[in-house]
Amino acid sequence: MANHKSAKKRIRQTERQRQVNKKTISRLRTLEKSLHQSIEKKDKNKALEQLKTFYTEMDRSVRKGSQHKNKVSRKKSRLSALVNSI
């Protein structure tokens, strides 16, 4: 256990940030699953709409530091290729 005041504060800050990141990543997974369902149903209009929302959320997660920019770029590229193949 931490003994210094600053170390205790860092523990509190880290836990709060972990909870925020967990919530963000969970929301992104849900969006990705719903996008995959639209792709499987071959509903291009709905998939394009969801892809736009997914892009926005992924870019926000990069700005906040929840995810790495290269991972997000890779996911965006692969998902847009799937949507365009409908």
Protein backbone atom coordinates (compact mmCIF):
# COMPACT_ATOMS: atom_id res chain seq x y z
CA MET A 1 0.00 0.00 0.00
CA ALA A 2 1.16 3.51 -0.74
CA ASN A 3 2.55 5.60 2.10
CA HIS A 4 3.04 9.00 0.51
CA LYS A 5 0.18 11.40 0.01
CA SER A 6 0.99 11.81 -3.69
CA ALA A 7 1.08 8.03 -4.23
CA LYS A 8 -2.35 7.66 -2.61
CA LYS A 9 -3.68 10.40 -4.87
CA ARG A 10 -2.27 8.65 -7.96
CA ILE A 11 -4.04 5.45 -6.91
CA ARG A 12 -7.35 7.32 -6.70
CA GLN A 13 -6.79 9.03 -10.05
CA THR A 14 -5.81 5.80 -11.77
CA GLU A 15 -8.91 4.02 -10.53
CA ARG A 16 -11.20 6.80 -11.75
CA GLN A 17 -9.54 6.80 -15.17
CA ARG A 18 -9.73 3.00 -15.37
CA GLN A 19 -13.49 3.18 -14.82
CA VAL A 20 -13.87 5.83 -17.55
CA ASN A 21 -11.79 3.79 -20.00
CA LYS A 22 -13.78 0.65 -19.20
CA LYS A 23 -17.06 2.45 -19.90
CA THR A 24 -15.74 3.90 -23.16
CA ILE A 25 -14.37 0.60 -24.46
CA SER A 26 -17.58 -1.21 -23.51
CA ARG A 27 -19.64 1.36 -25.45
CA LEU A 28 -17.36 0.95 -28.47
CA ARG A 29 -17.73 -2.83 -28.41
CA THR A 30 -21.51 -2.47 -28.33
CA LEU A 31 -21.43 -0.10 -31.30
CA GLU A 32 -19.17 -2.47 -33.21
CA LYS A 33 -21.45 -5.44 -32.56
CA SER A 34 -24.51 -3.56 -33.77
CA LEU A 35 -22.59 -2.47 -36.87
CA HIS A 36 -21.64 -6.08 -37.61
CA GLN A 37 -25.30 -7.09 -37.26
CA SER A 38 -26.31 -4.46 -39.82
CA ILE A 39 -23.60 -5.71 -42.17
CA GLU A 40 -24.82 -9.30 -41.82
CA LYS A 41 -28.38 -8.18 -42.59
CA LYS A 42 -27.07 -6.30 -45.66
CA ASP A 43 -28.72 -3.08 -44.50
CA LYS A 44 -26.33 -0.58 -46.08
CA ASN A 45 -28.12 2.63 -45.05
CA LYS A 46 -28.25 1.65 -41.40
CA ALA A 47 -24.65 0.39 -41.54
CA LEU A 48 -23.43 3.70 -42.97
CA GLU A 49 -25.24 5.62 -40.25
CA GLN A 50 -23.78 3.39 -37.54
CA LEU A 51 -20.33 3.61 -39.11
CA LYS A 52 -20.44 7.39 -38.84
CA THR A 53 -21.34 7.15 -35.14
CA PHE A 54 -18.65 4.52 -34.61
CA TYR A 55 -16.02 6.77 -36.25
CA THR A 56 -16.96 9.64 -33.97
CA GLU A 57 -16.73 7.55 -30.82
CA MET A 58 -13.46 5.91 -31.86
CA ASP A 59 -11.86 9.28 -32.60
CA ARG A 60 -13.04 10.56 -29.24
CA SER A 61 -11.47 7.55 -27.50
CA VAL A 62 -8.15 8.33 -29.17
CA ARG A 63 -8.30 11.97 -28.04
CA LYS A 64 -9.06 10.86 -24.48
CA GLY A 65 -6.27 8.29 -24.54
CA SER A 66 -8.43 5.19 -24.08
CA GLN A 67 -7.20 3.56 -27.27
CA HIS A 68 -4.17 3.76 -29.52
CA LYS A 69 -4.55 5.69 -32.76
CA ASN A 70 -3.17 2.88 -34.93
CA LYS A 71 -5.64 0.36 -33.50
CA VAL A 72 -8.51 2.74 -34.17
CA SER A 73 -7.27 3.43 -37.69
CA ARG A 74 -7.06 -0.29 -38.41
CA LYS A 75 -10.60 -0.94 -37.12
CA LYS A 76 -12.03 1.97 -39.09
CA SER A 77 -10.38 0.76 -42.27
CA ARG A 78 -11.57 -2.81 -41.91
CA LEU A 79 -15.11 -1.86 -41.01
CA SER A 80 -15.43 0.62 -43.86
CA ALA A 81 -14.24 -2.10 -46.26
CA LEU A 82 -16.95 -4.42 -44.92
CA VAL A 83 -19.65 -1.77 -45.30
CA ASN A 84 -18.53 -0.92 -48.84
CA SER A 85 -18.67 -4.60 -49.81
CA ILE A 86 -22.42 -4.75 -49.13
